């Protein structure tokens, strides 16, 4: 088992102690990579290069493998996300039912591309391969909640609610 003295924490930020505790619980095992990355993201909101390098060193996993896992799974973010997220399903059923057009409407209407966040930091636009709601196609996921049978109007109403809510 590895100990803290071998790999220094990146800073005194207390959130790193949470990450360290998760790695210690798992014996600093390389096969705990995904769980460790989840802990980092839960603690900081996203995975930056400093975090990826720290995890790589602490778990003794090649940096390329850590980056590969972080970029393979859509639930990991390499950039800070907006206050709200809109994930557009591009799975076959949803795409056939119109999510391609919904995605383009969001892009044009709000000036945000997939993988980006609006200038005010309120909305991040993501794309995913499948949300497992094919019977509700076209489907989007807003802050973890599926919106089925989505239309341009329903999507715009949801986004407008996010962008106009000053209490967020």
N, C-alpha and C. Protein backbone atom coordinates (compact mmCIF):
# COMPACT_ATOMS: atom_id res chain seq x y z
N UNK A 1 0.84 -1.18 0.00
CA UNK A 1 0.00 0.00 0.00
C UNK A 1 0.89 1.25 0.00
N UNK A 2 0.48 2.27 -0.75
CA UNK A 2 1.25 3.51 -0.83
C UNK A 2 0.83 4.44 0.28
N UNK A 3 1.66 5.39 0.57
CA UNK A 3 1.26 6.36 1.59
C UNK A 3 1.41 7.78 1.04
N UNK A 4 0.86 8.72 1.76
CA UNK A 4 0.81 10.11 1.34
C UNK A 4 2.19 10.71 1.13
N UNK A 5 3.16 10.27 1.87
CA UNK A 5 4.51 10.84 1.76
C UNK A 5 5.12 10.62 0.39
N UNK A 6 4.69 9.57 -0.30
CA UNK A 6 5.27 9.27 -1.61
C UNK A 6 4.80 10.22 -2.70
N UNK A 7 3.57 10.70 -2.61
CA UNK A 7 3.04 11.61 -3.61
C UNK A 7 2.38 12.78 -2.88
N UNK A 8 2.99 13.94 -3.00
CA UNK A 8 2.46 15.12 -2.31
C UNK A 8 1.17 15.59 -2.95
N UNK A 9 0.27 16.09 -2.10
CA UNK A 9 -0.97 16.66 -2.62
C UNK A 9 -0.66 17.91 -3.43
N UNK A 10 -1.43 18.18 -4.47
CA UNK A 10 -1.15 19.35 -5.33
C UNK A 10 -1.23 20.69 -4.60
N UNK A 11 -2.07 20.79 -3.56
CA UNK A 11 -2.19 22.04 -2.80
C UNK A 11 -2.77 21.73 -1.43
N UNK A 12 -2.94 22.77 -0.60
CA UNK A 12 -3.53 22.53 0.73
C UNK A 12 -5.06 22.54 0.67
N UNK A 13 -5.63 22.66 -0.50
CA UNK A 13 -7.08 22.64 -0.64
C UNK A 13 -7.61 21.38 0.03
N UNK A 14 -8.55 21.54 0.93
CA UNK A 14 -9.08 20.41 1.71
C UNK A 14 -9.75 19.35 0.85
N UNK A 15 -10.17 19.73 -0.33
CA UNK A 15 -10.80 18.75 -1.22
C UNK A 15 -9.83 17.64 -1.62
N UNK A 16 -8.52 17.95 -1.65
CA UNK A 16 -7.54 16.92 -1.99
C UNK A 16 -7.49 15.85 -0.91
N UNK A 17 -7.80 16.22 0.32
CA UNK A 17 -7.84 15.24 1.42
C UNK A 17 -8.96 14.22 1.18
N UNK A 18 -10.07 14.68 0.62
CA UNK A 18 -11.18 13.77 0.29
C UNK A 18 -10.72 12.78 -0.78
N UNK A 19 -10.01 13.29 -1.78
CA UNK A 19 -9.49 12.43 -2.85
C UNK A 19 -8.49 11.44 -2.28
N UNK A 20 -7.61 11.94 -1.44
CA UNK A 20 -6.60 11.07 -0.83
C UNK A 20 -7.26 9.96 0.01
N UNK A 21 -8.30 10.31 0.76
CA UNK A 21 -9.00 9.32 1.58
C UNK A 21 -9.63 8.23 0.70
N UNK A 22 -10.18 8.63 -0.43
CA UNK A 22 -10.78 7.65 -1.35
C UNK A 22 -9.70 6.71 -1.90
N UNK A 23 -8.56 7.25 -2.25
CA UNK A 23 -7.47 6.41 -2.77
C UNK A 23 -6.97 5.48 -1.67
N UNK A 24 -6.84 5.99 -0.46
CA UNK A 24 -6.37 5.18 0.66
C UNK A 24 -7.35 4.02 0.94
N UNK A 25 -8.67 4.33 0.90
CA UNK A 25 -9.70 3.29 1.10
C UNK A 25 -9.54 2.15 0.09
N UNK A 26 -9.11 2.51 -1.09
CA UNK A 26 -8.93 1.51 -2.16
C UNK A 26 -7.50 1.00 -2.27
N UNK A 27 -6.69 1.30 -1.27
CA UNK A 27 -5.32 0.79 -1.26
C UNK A 27 -4.45 1.32 -2.37
N UNK A 28 -4.78 2.50 -2.89
CA UNK A 28 -4.01 3.11 -4.00
C UNK A 28 -3.86 2.14 -5.17
N UNK A 29 -4.88 1.31 -5.37
CA UNK A 29 -4.85 0.32 -6.45
C UNK A 29 -5.14 0.98 -7.79
N UNK A 30 -4.41 0.61 -8.82
CA UNK A 30 -4.68 1.14 -10.16
C UNK A 30 -6.09 0.83 -10.65
N UNK A 31 -6.66 -0.30 -10.21
CA UNK A 31 -8.01 -0.64 -10.68
C UNK A 31 -9.08 0.23 -10.03
N UNK A 32 -8.69 1.14 -9.15
CA UNK A 32 -9.63 2.10 -8.55
C UNK A 32 -9.59 3.44 -9.29
N UNK A 33 -9.05 3.43 -10.50
CA UNK A 33 -8.90 4.67 -11.26
C UNK A 33 -10.22 5.38 -11.49
N UNK A 34 -11.23 4.68 -11.96
CA UNK A 34 -12.51 5.34 -12.27
C UNK A 34 -13.13 5.91 -11.00
N UNK A 35 -13.11 5.14 -9.91
CA UNK A 35 -13.66 5.64 -8.65
C UNK A 35 -12.90 6.88 -8.17
N UNK A 36 -11.59 6.86 -8.33
CA UNK A 36 -10.78 8.01 -7.92
C UNK A 36 -11.12 9.24 -8.76
N UNK A 37 -11.25 9.05 -10.07
CA UNK A 37 -11.60 10.17 -10.94
C UNK A 37 -12.98 10.72 -10.59
N UNK A 38 -13.91 9.83 -10.24
CA UNK A 38 -15.23 10.29 -9.79
C UNK A 38 -15.09 11.17 -8.55
N UNK A 39 -14.26 10.75 -7.62
CA UNK A 39 -14.08 11.51 -6.38
C UNK A 39 -13.48 12.88 -6.68
N UNK A 40 -12.50 12.93 -7.57
CA UNK A 40 -11.90 14.21 -7.95
C UNK A 40 -12.96 15.11 -8.57
N UNK A 41 -13.74 14.57 -9.49
CA UNK A 41 -14.75 15.38 -10.15
C UNK A 41 -15.84 15.83 -9.17
N UNK A 42 -16.25 14.96 -8.27
CA UNK A 42 -17.24 15.36 -7.26
C UNK A 42 -16.68 16.47 -6.36
N UNK A 43 -15.40 16.42 -6.10
CA UNK A 43 -14.77 17.40 -5.22
C UNK A 43 -14.53 18.75 -5.90
N UNK A 44 -14.09 18.70 -7.16
CA UNK A 44 -13.69 19.92 -7.86
C UNK A 44 -14.62 20.35 -8.99
N UNK A 45 -15.51 19.46 -9.41
CA UNK A 45 -16.44 19.79 -10.48
C UNK A 45 -15.97 19.37 -11.87
N UNK A 46 -14.69 19.12 -12.01
CA UNK A 46 -14.13 18.68 -13.28
C UNK A 46 -12.73 18.13 -13.05
N UNK A 47 -12.13 17.60 -14.10
CA UNK A 47 -10.78 17.02 -14.02
C UNK A 47 -9.82 17.88 -14.82
N UNK A 48 -8.97 18.63 -14.16
CA UNK A 48 -7.98 19.42 -14.90
C UNK A 48 -6.69 18.62 -15.02
N UNK A 49 -5.72 19.16 -15.74
CA UNK A 49 -4.47 18.42 -15.98
C UNK A 49 -3.72 18.16 -14.67
N UNK A 50 -3.78 19.09 -13.72
CA UNK A 50 -3.12 18.88 -12.43
C UNK A 50 -3.70 17.66 -11.73
N UNK A 51 -5.01 17.53 -11.76
CA UNK A 51 -5.68 16.39 -11.11
C UNK A 51 -5.32 15.08 -11.81
N UNK A 52 -5.31 15.09 -13.14
CA UNK A 52 -4.99 13.87 -13.88
C UNK A 52 -3.57 13.41 -13.59
N UNK A 53 -2.65 14.34 -13.51
CA UNK A 53 -1.25 14.00 -13.22
C UNK A 53 -1.11 13.48 -11.78
N UNK A 54 -1.79 14.13 -10.84
CA UNK A 54 -1.75 13.67 -9.46
C UNK A 54 -2.28 12.24 -9.34
N UNK A 55 -3.42 11.97 -9.95
CA UNK A 55 -4.01 10.63 -9.89
C UNK A 55 -3.07 9.62 -10.54
N UNK A 56 -2.48 10.00 -11.66
CA UNK A 56 -1.54 9.13 -12.35
C UNK A 56 -0.39 8.74 -11.43
N UNK A 57 0.19 9.73 -10.78
CA UNK A 57 1.33 9.47 -9.88
C UNK A 57 0.91 8.67 -8.65
N UNK A 58 -0.21 9.04 -8.06
CA UNK A 58 -0.65 8.39 -6.83
C UNK A 58 -1.03 6.93 -7.04
N UNK A 59 -1.66 6.63 -8.17
CA UNK A 59 -2.09 5.26 -8.44
C UNK A 59 -1.08 4.47 -9.26
N UNK A 60 -0.01 5.14 -9.66
CA UNK A 60 1.02 4.52 -10.50
C UNK A 60 0.42 3.95 -11.78
N UNK A 61 -0.33 4.84 -12.45
CA UNK A 61 -0.96 4.51 -13.72
C UNK A 61 -0.40 5.50 -14.74
N UNK A 62 -0.13 5.04 -15.93
CA UNK A 62 0.42 5.92 -16.97
C UNK A 62 -0.51 7.10 -17.22
N UNK A 63 0.05 8.31 -17.38
CA UNK A 63 -0.79 9.48 -17.65
C UNK A 63 -1.70 9.27 -18.86
N UNK A 64 -1.21 8.59 -19.87
CA UNK A 64 -2.03 8.35 -21.06
C UNK A 64 -3.25 7.49 -20.73
N UNK A 65 -3.10 6.55 -19.81
CA UNK A 65 -4.23 5.71 -19.41
C UNK A 65 -5.26 6.53 -18.62
N UNK A 66 -4.79 7.40 -17.72
CA UNK A 66 -5.69 8.24 -16.95
C UNK A 66 -6.46 9.16 -17.89
N UNK A 67 -5.75 9.79 -18.82
CA UNK A 67 -6.39 10.68 -19.79
C UNK A 67 -7.36 9.90 -20.67
N UNK A 68 -6.97 8.70 -21.07
CA UNK A 68 -7.83 7.86 -21.90
C UNK A 68 -9.14 7.53 -21.21
N UNK A 69 -9.08 7.19 -19.95
CA UNK A 69 -10.30 6.89 -19.19
C UNK A 69 -11.14 8.15 -19.03
N UNK A 70 -10.48 9.27 -18.71
CA UNK A 70 -11.20 10.53 -18.49
C UNK A 70 -11.90 11.02 -19.75
N UNK A 71 -11.34 10.73 -20.91
CA UNK A 71 -11.96 11.19 -22.15
C UNK A 71 -12.90 10.15 -22.76
N UNK A 72 -12.76 8.89 -22.38
CA UNK A 72 -13.62 7.84 -22.93
C UNK A 72 -15.04 7.94 -22.36
N UNK A 73 -15.15 8.14 -21.07
CA UNK A 73 -16.46 8.16 -20.42
C UNK A 73 -17.04 9.56 -20.44
N UNK A 74 -18.27 9.68 -20.95
CA UNK A 74 -18.88 11.00 -21.12
C UNK A 74 -19.18 11.70 -19.80
N UNK A 75 -19.24 10.99 -18.70
CA UNK A 75 -19.57 11.65 -17.44
C UNK A 75 -18.40 12.37 -16.81
N UNK A 76 -17.20 12.27 -17.39
CA UNK A 76 -16.06 13.04 -16.89
C UNK A 76 -15.94 14.33 -17.70
N UNK A 77 -15.64 15.41 -17.01
CA UNK A 77 -15.48 16.72 -17.65
C UNK A 77 -14.06 17.21 -17.46
N UNK A 78 -13.45 17.66 -18.54
CA UNK A 78 -12.09 18.17 -18.47
C UNK A 78 -12.06 19.69 -18.33
N UNK A 79 -13.23 20.30 -18.38
CA UNK A 79 -13.34 21.75 -18.23
C UNK A 79 -14.44 22.04 -17.21
N UNK A 80 -14.36 23.19 -16.56
CA UNK A 80 -15.46 23.53 -15.64
C UNK A 80 -16.78 23.57 -16.40
N UNK A 81 -17.82 23.07 -15.76
CA UNK A 81 -19.14 23.05 -16.38
C UNK A 81 -19.97 24.24 -15.92
N UNK A 82 -21.02 24.51 -16.68
CA UNK A 82 -21.94 25.57 -16.30
C UNK A 82 -22.78 25.17 -15.10
N UNK A 83 -23.58 26.09 -14.64
CA UNK A 83 -24.45 25.80 -13.51
C UNK A 83 -25.43 24.69 -13.86
N UNK A 84 -25.80 24.59 -15.14
CA UNK A 84 -26.72 23.57 -15.62
C UNK A 84 -26.10 22.89 -16.82
N UNK A 85 -26.51 21.64 -17.04
CA UNK A 85 -26.03 20.91 -18.21
C UNK A 85 -27.21 20.44 -19.05
N UNK A 86 -27.00 20.45 -20.34
CA UNK A 86 -27.95 19.91 -21.30
C UNK A 86 -27.19 18.90 -22.13
N UNK A 87 -27.54 17.62 -21.97
CA UNK A 87 -26.90 16.55 -22.73
C UNK A 87 -27.88 16.07 -23.79
N UNK A 88 -27.50 16.21 -25.04
CA UNK A 88 -28.34 15.82 -26.16
C UNK A 88 -27.96 14.40 -26.57
N UNK A 89 -28.96 13.52 -26.57
CA UNK A 89 -28.73 12.14 -26.96
C UNK A 89 -28.61 12.05 -28.48
N UNK A 90 -27.52 11.47 -28.93
CA UNK A 90 -27.33 11.27 -30.37
C UNK A 90 -27.37 9.79 -30.74
N UNK A 91 -27.98 8.99 -29.87
CA UNK A 91 -28.20 7.57 -30.19
C UNK A 91 -29.12 7.47 -31.40
N UNK A 92 -29.15 6.32 -32.01
CA UNK A 92 -29.88 6.14 -33.26
C UNK A 92 -31.35 6.57 -33.16
N UNK A 93 -32.08 6.06 -32.17
CA UNK A 93 -33.51 6.39 -32.07
C UNK A 93 -33.72 7.88 -31.90
N UNK A 94 -32.95 8.51 -31.02
CA UNK A 94 -33.12 9.94 -30.78
C UNK A 94 -32.71 10.76 -31.99
N UNK A 95 -31.63 10.34 -32.63
CA UNK A 95 -31.16 11.10 -33.79
C UNK A 95 -32.19 11.03 -34.92
N UNK A 96 -32.73 9.85 -35.15
CA UNK A 96 -33.74 9.70 -36.20
C UNK A 96 -34.97 10.56 -35.89
N UNK A 97 -35.30 10.68 -34.61
CA UNK A 97 -36.48 11.44 -34.19
C UNK A 97 -36.22 12.94 -34.06
N UNK A 98 -34.96 13.37 -34.31
CA UNK A 98 -34.73 14.81 -34.40
C UNK A 98 -33.76 15.48 -33.46
N UNK A 99 -32.97 14.73 -32.70
CA UNK A 99 -32.05 15.45 -31.80
C UNK A 99 -30.95 16.18 -32.55
N UNK A 100 -30.65 15.75 -33.76
CA UNK A 100 -29.66 16.49 -34.55
C UNK A 100 -30.14 17.91 -34.80
N UNK A 101 -31.42 18.04 -35.14
CA UNK A 101 -31.99 19.37 -35.38
C UNK A 101 -32.09 20.17 -34.08
N UNK A 102 -32.45 19.49 -32.98
CA UNK A 102 -32.52 20.17 -31.68
C UNK A 102 -31.14 20.70 -31.28
N UNK A 103 -30.12 19.88 -31.49
CA UNK A 103 -28.75 20.29 -31.17
C UNK A 103 -28.36 21.52 -31.99
N UNK A 104 -28.67 21.51 -33.27
CA UNK A 104 -28.34 22.64 -34.14
C UNK A 104 -29.11 23.89 -33.71
N UNK A 105 -30.37 23.74 -33.31
CA UNK A 105 -31.14 24.89 -32.84
C UNK A 105 -30.53 25.48 -31.58
N UNK A 106 -30.11 24.63 -30.66
CA UNK A 106 -29.47 25.12 -29.43
C UNK A 106 -28.19 25.86 -29.79
N UNK A 107 -27.40 25.26 -30.67
CA UNK A 107 -26.13 25.87 -31.08
C UNK A 107 -26.36 27.26 -31.66
N UNK A 108 -27.30 27.37 -32.58
CA UNK A 108 -27.55 28.65 -33.24
C UNK A 108 -28.23 29.66 -32.31
N UNK A 109 -29.18 29.21 -31.53
CA UNK A 109 -29.95 30.12 -30.68
C UNK A 109 -29.14 30.68 -29.51
N UNK A 110 -28.25 29.86 -28.96
CA UNK A 110 -27.54 30.26 -27.75
C UNK A 110 -26.04 30.42 -27.93
N UNK A 111 -25.57 30.21 -29.14
CA UNK A 111 -24.15 30.43 -29.43
C UNK A 111 -23.22 29.51 -28.65
N UNK A 112 -23.67 28.30 -28.41
CA UNK A 112 -22.84 27.35 -27.65
C UNK A 112 -22.73 26.06 -28.46
N UNK A 113 -21.53 25.55 -28.56
CA UNK A 113 -21.26 24.32 -29.29
C UNK A 113 -21.15 23.16 -28.30
N UNK A 114 -21.34 21.93 -28.76
CA UNK A 114 -21.16 20.78 -27.86
C UNK A 114 -19.77 20.81 -27.21
N UNK A 115 -19.76 20.57 -25.91
CA UNK A 115 -18.50 20.60 -25.16
C UNK A 115 -18.16 21.98 -24.62
N UNK A 116 -19.02 22.97 -24.89
CA UNK A 116 -18.77 24.33 -24.43
C UNK A 116 -19.82 24.76 -23.42
N UNK A 117 -19.54 25.91 -22.80
CA UNK A 117 -20.45 26.52 -21.83
C UNK A 117 -20.78 27.92 -22.31
N UNK A 118 -22.02 28.36 -22.08
CA UNK A 118 -22.41 29.71 -22.47
C UNK A 118 -21.52 30.74 -21.77
N UNK A 119 -21.41 31.92 -22.37
CA UNK A 119 -20.53 32.96 -21.85
C UNK A 119 -20.87 33.34 -20.41
N UNK A 120 -22.14 33.26 -20.04
CA UNK A 120 -22.53 33.61 -18.67
C UNK A 120 -22.31 32.47 -17.67
N UNK A 121 -21.84 31.31 -18.16
CA UNK A 121 -21.55 30.19 -17.29
C UNK A 121 -22.78 29.43 -16.78
N UNK A 122 -23.93 29.70 -17.36
CA UNK A 122 -25.16 29.07 -16.86
C UNK A 122 -25.44 27.71 -17.49
N UNK A 123 -25.00 27.47 -18.74
CA UNK A 123 -25.38 26.23 -19.42
C UNK A 123 -24.21 25.62 -20.18
N UNK A 124 -23.98 24.34 -19.91
CA UNK A 124 -23.01 23.57 -20.68
C UNK A 124 -23.78 22.64 -21.60
N UNK A 125 -23.35 22.58 -22.85
CA UNK A 125 -23.99 21.72 -23.85
C UNK A 125 -23.10 20.50 -24.09
N UNK A 126 -23.67 19.33 -23.93
CA UNK A 126 -22.94 18.08 -24.10
C UNK A 126 -23.69 17.21 -25.10
N UNK A 127 -22.99 16.25 -25.67
CA UNK A 127 -23.65 15.23 -26.48
C UNK A 127 -23.28 13.87 -25.88
N UNK A 128 -24.23 12.95 -25.95
CA UNK A 128 -23.99 11.59 -25.46
C UNK A 128 -24.50 10.61 -26.51
N UNK A 129 -23.99 9.40 -26.47
CA UNK A 129 -24.37 8.40 -27.46
C UNK A 129 -25.72 7.79 -27.19
N UNK A 130 -26.09 7.57 -25.96
CA UNK A 130 -27.40 7.00 -25.65
C UNK A 130 -27.69 7.25 -24.18
N UNK A 131 -28.93 7.64 -23.88
CA UNK A 131 -29.32 7.84 -22.49
C UNK A 131 -30.24 6.72 -22.00
N UNK A 132 -30.49 5.74 -22.85
CA UNK A 132 -31.31 4.61 -22.45
C UNK A 132 -32.79 4.93 -22.36
N UNK A 133 -33.22 5.94 -23.10
CA UNK A 133 -34.63 6.32 -23.10
C UNK A 133 -35.16 6.34 -24.52
N UNK A 134 -34.85 5.31 -25.27
CA UNK A 134 -35.19 5.26 -26.70
C UNK A 134 -36.69 5.40 -26.94
N UNK A 135 -37.51 4.89 -26.04
CA UNK A 135 -38.96 4.99 -26.18
C UNK A 135 -39.46 6.41 -26.00
N UNK A 136 -38.62 7.30 -25.46
CA UNK A 136 -38.99 8.70 -25.26
C UNK A 136 -38.36 9.61 -26.31
N UNK A 137 -37.75 9.04 -27.33
CA UNK A 137 -37.03 9.82 -28.33
C UNK A 137 -37.94 10.87 -28.97
N UNK A 138 -37.38 12.04 -29.23
CA UNK A 138 -36.01 12.48 -28.96
C UNK A 138 -35.85 12.89 -27.50
N UNK A 139 -34.72 12.48 -26.91
CA UNK A 139 -34.49 12.73 -25.50
C UNK A 139 -33.24 13.57 -25.26
N UNK A 140 -33.34 14.42 -24.25
CA UNK A 140 -32.22 15.20 -23.76
C UNK A 140 -32.18 15.00 -22.25
N UNK A 141 -31.05 15.28 -21.65
CA UNK A 141 -30.94 15.18 -20.20
C UNK A 141 -30.52 16.54 -19.67
N UNK A 142 -31.39 17.13 -18.86
CA UNK A 142 -31.11 18.42 -18.23
C UNK A 142 -30.80 18.17 -16.76
N UNK A 143 -29.59 18.49 -16.34
CA UNK A 143 -29.18 18.31 -14.94
C UNK A 143 -29.55 16.95 -14.40
N UNK A 144 -29.34 15.91 -15.20
CA UNK A 144 -29.58 14.55 -14.75
C UNK A 144 -31.00 14.05 -14.92
N UNK A 145 -31.92 14.90 -15.37
CA UNK A 145 -33.31 14.48 -15.56
C UNK A 145 -33.62 14.39 -17.06
N UNK A 146 -34.18 13.26 -17.45
CA UNK A 146 -34.49 13.04 -18.86
C UNK A 146 -35.71 13.85 -19.28
N UNK A 147 -35.59 14.53 -20.41
CA UNK A 147 -36.72 15.20 -21.05
C UNK A 147 -37.01 14.40 -22.31
N UNK A 148 -38.12 13.68 -22.30
CA UNK A 148 -38.50 12.87 -23.44
C UNK A 148 -39.45 13.61 -24.36
N UNK A 149 -39.56 13.08 -25.58
CA UNK A 149 -40.44 13.68 -26.60
C UNK A 149 -40.16 15.18 -26.74
N UNK A 150 -38.89 15.52 -26.69
CA UNK A 150 -38.47 16.93 -26.73
C UNK A 150 -38.81 17.59 -28.05
N UNK A 151 -39.17 18.85 -27.94
CA UNK A 151 -39.44 19.68 -29.12
C UNK A 151 -38.56 20.92 -29.01
N UNK A 152 -38.44 21.63 -30.11
CA UNK A 152 -37.68 22.87 -30.08
C UNK A 152 -38.24 23.80 -29.01
N UNK A 153 -39.55 23.87 -28.92
CA UNK A 153 -40.19 24.77 -27.95
C UNK A 153 -39.92 24.33 -26.52
N UNK A 154 -40.03 23.03 -26.23
CA UNK A 154 -39.82 22.58 -24.85
C UNK A 154 -38.36 22.74 -24.43
N UNK A 155 -37.45 22.51 -25.37
CA UNK A 155 -36.03 22.67 -25.06
C UNK A 155 -35.70 24.14 -24.84
N UNK A 156 -36.20 25.01 -25.71
CA UNK A 156 -35.95 26.44 -25.54
C UNK A 156 -36.53 26.94 -24.22
N UNK A 157 -37.73 26.48 -23.86
CA UNK A 157 -38.36 26.91 -22.60
C UNK A 157 -37.49 26.51 -21.41
N UNK A 158 -36.95 25.31 -21.44
CA UNK A 158 -36.09 24.84 -20.34
C UNK A 158 -34.83 25.68 -20.26
N UNK A 159 -34.20 25.92 -21.40
CA UNK A 159 -32.96 26.70 -21.43
C UNK A 159 -33.23 28.14 -21.03
N UNK A 160 -34.30 28.71 -21.52
CA UNK A 160 -34.64 30.09 -21.15
C UNK A 160 -34.83 30.21 -19.63
N UNK A 161 -35.42 29.20 -19.04
CA UNK A 161 -35.57 29.18 -17.59
C UNK A 161 -34.23 29.23 -16.89
N UNK A 162 -33.26 28.50 -17.40
CA UNK A 162 -31.92 28.52 -16.81
C UNK A 162 -31.25 29.87 -16.99
N UNK A 163 -31.35 30.43 -18.19
CA UNK A 163 -30.62 31.64 -18.50
C UNK A 163 -31.23 32.86 -17.84
N UNK A 164 -32.53 32.82 -17.54
CA UNK A 164 -33.18 34.00 -16.96
C UNK A 164 -33.29 33.94 -15.45
N UNK A 165 -32.98 32.81 -14.84
CA UNK A 165 -33.12 32.65 -13.39
C UNK A 165 -31.95 33.33 -12.68
N UNK A 166 -32.22 34.49 -12.09
CA UNK A 166 -31.16 35.25 -11.40
C UNK A 166 -30.82 34.67 -10.04
N UNK A 167 -31.63 33.74 -9.53
CA UNK A 167 -31.39 33.18 -8.20
C UNK A 167 -30.34 32.08 -8.22
N UNK A 168 -29.87 31.65 -9.40
CA UNK A 168 -28.95 30.53 -9.46
C UNK A 168 -27.57 30.90 -9.10
